[in-house]
C-alpha cells in the first residue's frame, strides 16, 4: 500500500532583543556564566510582576507581516501550567486565546513543485531555563528563562522532509534578514508533529511529536525514520502506534518515546491577570510596516533582474550577512552582478584559503566596494584587485593606500611591456623550448612570469598578445 506523510511544525524562534520579555535582564546572548543573567522576576520569586517588552511585540508583528499573516489588533497572554525543574514559576506565560498573528502562508519550492504552507498562528511566549546534566547530578541554568520567543505553528501541510527543510531554511533567511533573530546556537528550535495515512485518505493517522530539534540535518533524519516506523506499523503491524512525544537520538538515528502527548486540557490554560491586553492601533502598525525589510521573494526578483544567476541568488538569500554585504556595496555604487561574483567567488575563495567560512566574514563594505570600483574603472586589473582583497582580509589594510604602495595602479606602455617580455623569454629558455614542442602549460608559466615582473599591473590581454607574437 502507498502511504502519505503528514507533517505540521511548531517552530520556536528566539527574538533579537536587548532584554528579556518581562524584565530588564539582558537577552540569552548576554549571559557569560550560568545564572549570571537572572533577576527576581525571571527566576520566579513570589510577588514579582511581569512588565511587557514593547520590542517583542514589534518583532512578532514584523515576523507575521513577513509570513503574510493577519495581525491581531487585540492580543492577550495566558498561563500554561506544568511543572518542570527549569520552569521556576511552574507555569509559562504564552498566548492561547488571542495570539498576535493568524492565518499566514509561506510558499516552498522543492523537486516536487511549489506548494503553499499555511500558518495557523504566531504567538509570543517566554522561554524556559536549561537543565545541565553532569554525572549523577543535574543543574539548572536560568539564564534562558523569560528570553522572548515567537512560536510559528503551521497547519499539517507538509508532505516530505524536503519541504520541511526548505521551509525552515526560508524562515531562517527571512528572520535573519529582518533582524528578528540570528537563528543560531539553539535560537531556532522545532517540534515536528508527524503522522502517516494511506494515499488518498482524508483521515489523519496517529500523531507523534518529536521535540526540540535544532539541526536541519537531524530534522530530516528524524522525519525519515519516524515516517518509516509509522508505515511499518501500519503495513506489517510491527507495533501499536500511540499519540506520544518522542526524542531523536542523533547517534543511532532513531526516535524514542519520552511521554504520552499532552492535550490542551492538561495545561489548564487561563488568562494571565498580571498582564494587560495589548492594543495595536493604526499608527503603531504603520510604523512597524514602514520598517519591515524587503521580503526574500521580492529580493530574489531584484537580484534576478540584475542578472545574478539562480545559484548565486540561493547562496545570497541563504546567508543574511552575504546578502547584506551585496546590498551595501551596491548602495556604494557597485554593479550588483559584478558584486555578487566578487563576494561569492573571490571573497569566499580568500576566506576558504584562510580556513574560514563565509559566515565568518568581516570585511567592511566600503573596502570591498573600493576594490571593485578600481577594477571596474580600469585603474587596476582583476589580478591586482584579488591581491588587494587578500591583503584587506588578512591585514585589514586600506585598499586604495595599499594599491598605491604596491604600484598596482601604475600603467605600463607597450614598449615597457615588450621589454619585460623579452627579458622573461631570454631567462626562461627551457620554458620557451617546452612551448615550442607543444606544451601549452609552458605558455602559462611564461605569462605568469611576465605578470610577476609587472607586479600584476600589466594588461593581461596585451601581455598575452605580445608574448604569443614574440614566441612565434
Protein backbone atom coordinates (compact mmCIF):
# COMPACT_ATOMS: atom_id res chain seq x y z
CA UNK A 1 0.00 0.00 0.00
CA UNK A 2 1.16 3.55 -0.71
CA UNK A 3 1.23 5.96 2.21
CA UNK A 4 1.25 9.72 2.60
CA UNK A 5 3.29 11.55 5.27
CA UNK A 6 1.50 14.40 7.04
CA UNK A 7 3.64 16.89 8.99
CA UNK A 8 2.95 20.04 10.97
CA UNK A 9 5.63 22.19 12.61
CA UNK A 10 5.89 24.28 15.75
CA UNK A 11 8.98 26.45 15.33
CA UNK A 12 10.33 28.39 18.31
CA UNK A 13 12.45 31.41 17.39
CA UNK A 14 14.41 33.39 19.99
CA UNK A 15 13.96 37.10 19.33
CA UNK A 16 16.85 39.50 18.88
CA UNK A 17 16.10 41.87 21.78
CA UNK A 18 18.38 43.58 24.27
CA UNK A 19 16.35 42.41 27.26
CA UNK A 20 14.02 39.57 28.22
CA UNK A 21 10.30 39.61 27.54
CA UNK A 22 9.04 40.52 31.04
CA UNK A 23 12.05 42.00 32.85
CA UNK A 24 15.14 44.15 32.19
CA UNK A 25 17.67 41.29 32.31
CA UNK A 26 19.78 41.02 29.17
CA UNK A 27 18.81 38.51 26.50
CA UNK A 28 20.25 34.99 26.39
CA UNK A 29 23.28 36.13 24.36
CA UNK A 30 24.28 38.45 27.21
CA UNK A 31 24.94 35.56 29.61
CA UNK A 32 28.56 34.57 30.15
CA UNK A 33 28.25 32.17 33.11
CA UNK A 34 25.36 30.04 34.40
CA UNK A 35 22.71 32.09 36.22
CA UNK A 36 24.51 35.43 35.77
CA UNK A 37 21.64 36.99 33.80
CA UNK A 38 18.79 36.40 36.24
CA UNK A 39 16.66 38.63 38.48
CA UNK A 40 13.85 38.00 41.00
CA UNK A 41 11.23 38.41 38.24
CA UNK A 42 12.55 35.84 35.74
CA UNK A 43 13.61 33.42 38.49
CA UNK A 44 10.03 33.22 39.80
CA UNK A 45 10.39 34.95 43.16
CA UNK A 46 7.00 35.46 44.91
CA UNK A 47 5.37 38.85 44.39
CA UNK A 48 7.34 39.83 41.28
CA UNK A 49 5.20 41.03 38.38
CA UNK A 50 5.96 40.85 34.64
CA UNK A 51 6.40 44.03 32.58
CA UNK A 52 5.92 43.66 28.81
CA UNK A 53 8.83 44.40 26.45
CA UNK A 54 7.44 46.54 23.59
CA UNK A 55 10.17 45.46 21.18
CA UNK A 56 8.98 41.84 21.41
CA UNK A 57 5.57 42.89 20.07
CA UNK A 58 7.17 44.80 17.18
CA UNK A 59 9.36 41.87 16.16
CA UNK A 60 6.44 39.43 16.40
CA UNK A 61 4.30 41.66 14.18
CA UNK A 62 7.21 42.02 11.71
CA UNK A 63 7.50 38.22 11.55
CA UNK A 64 3.77 37.99 10.93
CA UNK A 65 3.93 40.51 8.09
CA UNK A 66 6.81 38.58 6.50
CA UNK A 67 4.72 35.39 6.65
CA UNK A 68 1.64 37.09 5.18
CA UNK A 69 -0.35 36.80 8.44
CA UNK A 70 -3.32 38.73 9.73
CA UNK A 71 -2.19 40.94 12.63
CA UNK A 72 -4.37 40.85 15.74
CA UNK A 73 -5.16 44.35 17.00
CA UNK A 74 -6.15 42.92 20.39
CA UNK A 75 -3.84 40.33 21.88
CA UNK A 76 -3.57 38.81 25.37
CA UNK A 77 -1.39 36.47 27.42
CA UNK A 78 -2.28 33.21 29.15
CA UNK A 79 -0.65 30.94 31.71
CA UNK A 80 0.29 27.43 30.61
CA UNK A 81 0.62 25.32 33.74
CA UNK A 82 3.05 22.45 34.08
CA UNK A 83 5.92 21.58 36.40
CA UNK A 84 9.46 21.08 35.24
CA UNK A 85 12.67 21.96 37.12
CA UNK A 86 13.75 24.63 34.61
CA UNK A 87 10.39 26.45 34.82
CA UNK A 88 10.70 28.42 38.07
CA UNK A 89 7.07 29.63 38.29
CA UNK A 90 5.64 26.21 37.38
CA UNK A 91 3.81 27.95 34.52
CA UNK A 92 4.82 29.53 31.22
CA UNK A 93 3.44 32.86 30.03
CA UNK A 94 2.27 32.32 26.47
CA UNK A 95 -0.70 33.06 24.18
CA UNK A 96 -3.66 30.77 23.57
CA UNK A 97 -6.90 32.73 23.18
CA UNK A 98 -5.69 35.81 21.29
CA UNK A 99 -2.35 35.16 19.52
CA UNK A 100 -0.52 38.08 17.90
CA UNK A 101 -0.74 36.73 14.30
CA UNK A 102 -3.01 34.27 12.48
CA UNK A 103 -3.76 32.82 9.02
CA UNK A 104 -0.48 33.26 7.14
CA UNK A 105 1.06 31.43 4.22
CA UNK A 106 4.59 30.60 3.03
CA UNK A 107 5.42 29.24 -0.41
CA UNK A 108 8.00 26.44 -0.64
CA UNK A 109 9.65 25.19 -3.82
CA UNK A 110 11.05 21.66 -3.92
CA UNK A 111 11.84 19.00 -6.51
CA UNK A 112 8.14 18.03 -6.37
CA UNK A 113 6.99 21.54 -7.28
CA UNK A 114 5.75 24.64 -5.47
CA UNK A 115 3.25 24.43 -2.61
CA UNK A 116 1.70 26.77 -0.06
CA UNK A 117 2.22 26.05 3.64
CA UNK A 118 -0.48 27.61 5.79
CA UNK A 119 0.49 29.32 9.04
CA UNK A 120 -2.13 28.72 11.72
CA UNK A 121 -0.73 31.29 14.13
CA UNK A 122 2.27 33.04 15.61
CA UNK A 123 2.26 33.65 19.35
CA UNK A 124 4.65 35.28 21.80
CA UNK A 125 5.90 33.46 24.88
CA UNK A 126 8.78 33.18 27.31
CA UNK A 127 11.44 30.51 27.09
CA UNK A 128 12.20 28.09 29.92
CA UNK A 129 15.59 27.58 31.56
CA UNK A 130 18.08 24.85 30.74
CA UNK A 131 18.98 21.64 32.55
CA UNK A 132 22.65 20.68 32.52
CA UNK A 133 23.36 17.01 33.33
CA UNK A 134 26.75 16.03 34.71
CA UNK A 135 27.36 12.57 36.12
CA UNK A 136 24.96 11.86 38.98
CA UNK A 137 23.83 15.48 39.21
CA UNK A 138 21.61 17.82 37.20
CA UNK A 139 21.97 21.58 37.38
CA UNK A 140 19.55 24.35 36.38
CA UNK A 141 20.69 27.40 34.43
CA UNK A 142 18.01 30.13 34.47
CA UNK A 143 19.77 32.47 32.03
CA UNK A 144 17.40 31.44 29.25
CA UNK A 145 14.30 31.79 31.44
CA UNK A 146 11.99 34.51 30.08
CA UNK A 147 14.04 35.06 26.93
CA UNK A 148 11.42 36.15 24.36
CA UNK A 149 10.23 33.67 21.76
CA UNK A 150 7.75 33.54 18.95
CA UNK A 151 6.24 30.18 18.08
CA UNK A 152 5.16 29.70 14.47
CA UNK A 153 2.53 26.98 14.21
CA UNK A 154 1.72 25.58 10.76
CA UNK A 155 -1.22 23.57 9.54
CA UNK A 156 -0.37 19.90 8.75
CA UNK A 157 0.52 20.82 5.17
CA UNK A 158 4.00 19.28 4.73
CA UNK A 159 4.27 16.04 2.78
CA UNK A 160 8.02 15.38 2.86
CA UNK A 161 11.19 16.05 4.82
CA UNK A 162 12.44 18.08 1.85
CA UNK A 163 9.53 20.52 2.17
CA UNK A 164 10.21 20.91 5.89
CA UNK A 165 13.90 21.73 5.36
CA UNK A 166 13.12 24.20 2.54
CA UNK A 167 10.51 25.91 4.76
CA UNK A 168 12.85 26.17 7.76
CA UNK A 169 15.70 27.43 5.58
CA UNK A 170 13.39 30.11 4.20
CA UNK A 171 12.25 31.10 7.70
CA UNK A 172 15.88 31.36 8.81
CA UNK A 173 16.76 33.62 5.87
CA UNK A 174 13.70 35.79 6.46
CA UNK A 175 14.27 36.26 10.16
CA UNK A 176 17.99 36.92 9.85
CA UNK A 177 17.46 39.47 7.09
CA UNK A 178 14.68 41.10 9.10
CA UNK A 179 16.78 41.40 12.27
CA UNK A 180 14.23 39.26 14.10
CA UNK A 181 16.62 36.51 15.17
CA UNK A 182 20.08 35.16 14.41
CA UNK A 183 18.53 31.66 14.37
CA UNK A 184 21.81 30.15 15.57
CA UNK A 185 23.03 28.19 18.63
CA UNK A 186 19.61 26.96 19.72
CA UNK A 187 17.84 30.23 18.85
CA UNK A 188 15.67 28.31 16.37
CA UNK A 189 14.16 25.03 17.59
CA UNK A 190 11.46 22.92 16.06
CA UNK A 191 8.82 20.41 17.26
CA UNK A 192 7.80 18.06 14.44
CA UNK A 193 4.28 16.60 14.50
CA UNK A 194 4.09 13.63 12.15
CA UNK A 195 1.55 11.01 11.11
CA UNK A 196 1.08 8.65 8.18
CA UNK A 197 -2.10 7.69 6.33
CA UNK A 198 -2.99 5.62 3.24
CA UNK A 199 -2.61 7.57 0.00
CA UNK A 200 -5.90 9.28 -0.82
CA UNK A 201 -7.31 9.08 2.72
CA UNK A 202 -8.70 12.25 4.33
CA UNK A 203 -8.42 10.89 7.88
CA UNK A 204 -5.31 11.75 9.89
CA UNK A 205 -3.23 8.92 11.31
CA UNK A 206 -1.90 8.59 14.86
CA UNK A 207 0.27 11.63 15.56
CA UNK A 208 3.61 11.69 17.35
CA UNK A 209 5.63 14.78 18.23
CA UNK A 210 9.43 14.91 18.04
CA UNK A 211 10.61 17.62 20.44
CA UNK A 212 13.30 20.30 20.40
CA UNK A 213 15.03 19.71 17.08
CA UNK A 214 17.69 22.34 16.30
CA UNK A 215 19.59 20.88 13.33
CA UNK A 216 18.05 20.77 9.86
CA UNK A 217 20.03 17.61 9.13
CA UNK A 218 18.72 15.95 12.31
CA UNK A 219 15.15 17.03 11.48
CA UNK A 220 15.37 15.39 8.05
CA UNK A 221 16.75 12.17 9.55
CA UNK A 222 14.11 12.13 12.29
CA UNK A 223 11.25 12.59 9.80
CA UNK A 224 12.55 9.82 7.55
CA UNK A 225 12.97 7.41 10.47
CA UNK A 226 9.67 8.21 12.17
CA UNK A 227 7.61 8.09 8.97
CA UNK A 228 9.10 4.68 8.13
CA UNK A 229 8.30 3.47 11.68
CA UNK A 230 4.67 4.50 11.18
CA UNK A 231 4.46 2.84 7.75
CA UNK A 232 5.96 -0.39 9.09
CA UNK A 233 3.45 -0.38 11.93
CA UNK A 234 0.54 0.11 9.52
CA UNK A 235 1.78 -2.31 6.87
CA UNK A 236 3.30 -5.11 8.98
CA UNK A 237 1.77 -4.47 12.46
CA UNK A 238 5.24 -4.26 13.99
CA UNK A 239 3.89 -2.22 16.90
CA UNK A 240 0.83 -0.32 18.08
CA UNK A 241 1.05 3.39 17.33
CA UNK A 242 0.04 5.73 20.16
CA UNK A 243 -0.08 9.51 20.42
CA UNK A 244 3.09 10.44 22.25
CA UNK A 245 6.07 12.77 22.50
CA UNK A 246 9.37 11.36 21.27
CA UNK A 247 13.01 12.46 21.13
CA UNK A 248 15.52 11.91 18.35
CA UNK A 249 18.90 10.36 19.11
CA UNK A 250 21.43 11.63 16.60
CA UNK A 251 23.94 8.85 17.29
CA UNK A 252 21.56 6.00 16.49
CA UNK A 253 19.38 7.91 14.04
CA UNK A 254 16.26 6.69 15.87
CA UNK A 255 13.42 8.24 17.87
CA UNK A 256 12.49 7.09 21.39
CA UNK A 257 9.35 7.59 23.46
CA UNK A 258 9.50 10.28 26.15
CA UNK A 259 5.93 10.63 27.45
CA UNK A 260 2.31 10.48 26.39
CA UNK A 261 1.31 13.51 24.34
CA UNK A 262 -0.36 16.17 26.47
CA UNK A 263 -3.61 17.76 25.38
CA UNK A 264 -4.68 21.38 25.82
CA UNK A 265 -6.71 20.43 28.90
CA UNK A 266 -3.61 19.03 30.63
CA UNK A 267 -2.04 22.50 30.73
CA UNK A 268 -5.02 24.19 32.46
CA UNK A 269 -4.67 27.44 30.48
CA UNK A 270 -6.18 30.57 31.97
CA UNK A 271 -5.73 34.32 31.23
CA UNK A 272 -2.75 35.99 32.90
CA UNK A 273 -4.25 38.67 35.13
CA UNK A 274 -0.83 40.31 35.64
CA UNK A 275 -0.54 41.42 32.01
CA UNK A 276 -2.95 43.84 30.38
CA UNK A 277 -4.22 43.23 26.84
CA UNK A 278 -2.07 44.79 24.10
CA UNK A 279 -3.85 47.08 21.64
CA UNK A 280 -2.11 47.65 18.31
CA UNK A 281 -3.54 50.82 16.80
CA UNK A 282 -3.24 52.02 13.19
CA UNK A 283 -0.35 54.38 13.90
CA UNK A 284 1.78 51.73 15.62
CA UNK A 285 1.05 49.13 12.93
CA UNK A 286 2.01 51.57 10.17
CA UNK A 287 5.32 52.31 11.96
CA UNK A 288 6.11 48.59 12.07
CA UNK A 289 5.15 48.16 8.40
CA UNK A 290 7.40 51.08 7.42
CA UNK A 291 10.40 49.31 8.99
CA UNK A 292 9.58 45.90 7.52
CA UNK A 293 12.50 44.54 5.45
CA UNK A 294 12.14 43.55 1.81
CA UNK A 295 10.68 40.05 1.52
CA UNK A 296 13.22 37.50 0.29
CA UNK A 297 10.94 36.53 -2.62
CA UNK A 298 10.99 40.18 -3.74
CA UNK A 299 14.74 40.31 -3.14
CA UNK A 300 15.16 37.26 -5.39
CA UNK A 301 13.29 39.07 -8.17
CA UNK A 302 15.52 42.11 -7.68
CA UNK A 303 18.68 40.00 -7.93
CA UNK A 304 17.32 38.12 -10.96
CA UNK A 305 16.64 41.38 -12.78
CA UNK A 306 20.24 42.43 -12.07
CA UNK A 307 21.48 39.37 -13.98
CA UNK A 308 22.59 37.32 -10.95
CA UNK A 309 22.37 33.55 -11.51
CA UNK A 310 19.86 31.35 -9.65
CA UNK A 311 22.68 29.52 -7.86
CA UNK A 312 24.16 32.81 -6.66
CA UNK A 313 20.71 34.04 -5.59
CA UNK A 314 20.21 30.92 -3.45
CA UNK A 315 23.58 31.49 -1.79
CA UNK A 316 22.88 35.17 -1.11
CA UNK A 317 19.41 34.54 0.30
CA UNK A 318 20.55 31.65 2.48
CA UNK A 319 23.13 33.83 4.24
CA UNK A 320 21.85 37.13 5.54
CA UNK A 321 25.34 38.61 6.01
CA UNK A 322 26.38 37.97 2.41
CA UNK A 323 23.12 39.37 1.07
CA UNK A 324 23.51 42.47 3.20
CA UNK A 325 27.13 42.86 2.04
CA UNK A 326 25.95 42.84 -1.57
CA UNK A 327 23.20 45.37 -0.85
CA UNK A 328 25.71 47.61 0.92
CA UNK A 329 28.26 47.63 -1.91
CA UNK A 330 25.51 48.20 -4.48
CA UNK A 331 24.39 51.20 -2.40
CA UNK A 332 28.01 52.43 -2.65
CA UNK A 333 27.84 52.39 -6.45
CA UNK A 334 28.91 48.87 -7.46
CA UNK A 335 27.21 46.76 -10.11
CA UNK A 336 25.06 44.05 -8.48
CA UNK A 337 26.05 41.19 -10.81
CA UNK A 338 29.76 42.06 -10.60
CA UNK A 339 29.48 42.49 -6.84
CA UNK A 340 27.87 39.05 -6.43
CA UNK A 341 30.77 37.43 -8.31
CA UNK A 342 33.34 39.22 -6.17
CA UNK A 343 31.58 38.16 -2.95
CA UNK A 344 30.72 34.55 -3.79
CA UNK A 345 33.83 33.66 -5.82
CA UNK A 346 36.78 35.90 -4.98
CA UNK A 347 35.99 36.86 -1.39
CA UNK A 348 34.67 33.40 -0.44
CA UNK A 349 37.81 31.88 -2.01
CA UNK A 350 40.12 34.05 0.10
CA UNK A 351 38.21 33.07 3.25
CA UNK A 352 38.41 29.36 2.42
CA UNK A 353 42.17 29.69 1.87
CA UNK A 354 42.43 31.11 5.41
CA UNK A 355 40.33 28.24 6.78
CA UNK A 356 37.26 30.41 7.34
CA UNK A 357 33.67 30.10 6.20
CA UNK A 358 31.65 32.84 4.54
CA UNK A 359 29.67 33.17 7.79
CA UNK A 360 32.87 34.43 9.46
CA UNK A 361 33.48 37.30 7.06
CA UNK A 362 34.08 40.78 8.47
CA UNK A 363 35.18 42.91 5.51
CA UNK A 364 33.88 46.47 5.54
CA UNK A 365 31.56 47.12 2.56
CA UNK A 366 33.46 50.35 1.83
CA UNK A 367 36.73 48.45 1.37
CA UNK A 368 35.28 45.80 -0.91
CA UNK A 369 33.45 48.47 -2.93
CA UNK A 370 36.71 50.41 -3.35
CA UNK A 371 38.44 47.34 -4.84
CA UNK A 372 35.56 46.57 -7.19
CA UNK A 373 35.39 50.17 -8.39
CA UNK A 374 39.15 50.31 -9.11
CA UNK A 375 38.87 47.17 -11.25
CA UNK A 376 35.66 48.29 -12.98
CA UNK A 377 37.16 51.67 -13.88
CA UNK A 378 40.27 50.06 -15.39
CA UNK A 379 42.57 51.65 -12.81
CA UNK A 380 43.85 48.17 -11.94
CA UNK A 381 43.29 44.73 -13.46
CA UNK A 382 41.36 41.95 -11.75
CA UNK A 383 44.51 40.11 -10.70
CA UNK A 384 45.71 43.16 -8.80
CA UNK A 385 42.25 43.52 -7.29
CA UNK A 386 42.44 39.98 -5.93
CA UNK A 387 45.84 40.68 -4.37
CA UNK A 388 44.46 43.79 -2.69
CA UNK A 389 41.46 41.78 -1.46
CA UNK A 390 43.77 39.20 0.14
CA UNK A 391 45.69 41.97 1.93
CA UNK A 392 42.45 43.57 3.14
CA UNK A 393 41.14 40.27 4.54
CA UNK A 394 44.42 39.25 6.18
CA UNK A 395 45.71 42.62 7.41
CA UNK A 396 42.72 44.98 7.21
CA UNK A 397 44.73 47.46 5.12
CA UNK A 398 43.17 50.40 3.31
CA UNK A 399 42.69 49.13 -0.28
CA UNK A 400 43.45 52.42 -2.04
CA UNK A 401 46.55 53.14 0.06
CA UNK A 402 47.78 49.54 -0.39
CA UNK A 403 47.23 49.79 -4.15
CA UNK A 404 49.35 52.93 -4.30
CA UNK A 405 52.10 51.45 -2.10
CA UNK A 406 52.41 48.34 -4.25
CA UNK A 407 52.17 50.24 -7.52
CA UNK A 408 49.26 48.14 -8.77
CA UNK A 409 47.76 51.18 -10.46
CA UNK A 410 50.97 52.01 -12.31
CA UNK A 411 50.38 51.99 -16.07
CA UNK A 412 52.91 50.35 -18.40
CA UNK A 413 53.09 51.32 -22.07
CA UNK A 414 53.57 48.74 -24.81
CA UNK A 415 57.34 49.34 -25.08
CA UNK A 416 57.83 48.65 -21.36
CA UNK A 417 55.73 45.51 -21.60
CA UNK A 418 57.73 44.32 -24.62
CA UNK A 419 61.00 44.87 -22.74
CA UNK A 420 59.74 42.76 -19.81
CA UNK A 421 58.57 40.00 -22.19
CA UNK A 422 61.97 39.92 -23.89
CA UNK A 423 63.70 39.57 -20.52
CA UNK A 424 61.36 36.74 -19.46
CA UNK A 425 61.90 34.86 -22.75
CA UNK A 426 65.69 35.22 -22.54
CA UNK A 427 65.82 33.99 -18.94
CA UNK A 428 63.43 31.03 -19.38
CA UNK A 429 64.91 29.11 -22.30
CA UNK A 430 63.62 25.75 -21.07
CA UNK A 431 60.01 27.01 -20.83
CA UNK A 432 60.32 28.52 -24.32
CA UNK A 433 61.58 25.19 -25.70
CA UNK A 434 58.72 23.35 -23.97
CA UNK A 435 56.20 25.72 -25.52
CA UNK A 436 57.67 25.22 -29.00
CA UNK A 437 57.40 21.47 -28.52
CA UNK A 438 53.65 21.84 -28.00
CA UNK A 439 53.28 22.11 -24.21
CA UNK A 440 50.61 24.78 -23.56
CA UNK A 441 51.36 24.89 -19.82
CA UNK A 442 54.73 26.41 -20.65
CA UNK A 443 52.96 29.43 -22.13
CA UNK A 444 51.05 29.96 -18.88
CA UNK A 445 54.34 29.79 -16.95
CA UNK A 446 55.89 32.46 -19.17
CA UNK A 447 52.77 34.60 -18.94
CA UNK A 448 52.82 34.29 -15.15
CA UNK A 449 56.47 35.34 -15.07
CA UNK A 450 55.62 38.45 -17.10
CA UNK A 451 52.76 39.36 -14.78
CA UNK A 452 55.05 38.88 -11.80
CA UNK A 453 57.65 41.23 -13.24
CA UNK A 454 54.93 43.80 -13.91
CA UNK A 455 53.57 43.25 -10.36
CA UNK A 456 50.19 42.26 -11.74
CA UNK A 457 49.62 45.73 -13.16
CA UNK A 458 50.04 44.96 -16.83
CA UNK A 459 47.00 44.49 -19.06
CA UNK A 460 46.64 40.68 -19.38
CA UNK A 461 45.23 40.78 -22.93
CA UNK A 462 48.11 42.96 -24.16
CA UNK A 463 50.75 40.79 -22.47
CA UNK A 464 49.28 37.58 -23.91
CA UNK A 465 49.12 39.05 -27.41
CA UNK A 466 52.71 40.35 -27.37
CA UNK A 467 54.05 37.16 -25.77
CA UNK A 468 52.40 35.00 -28.44
CA UNK A 469 53.85 37.17 -31.22
CA UNK A 470 57.38 37.03 -29.82
CA UNK A 471 57.26 33.29 -29.22
CA UNK A 472 56.20 32.72 -32.84
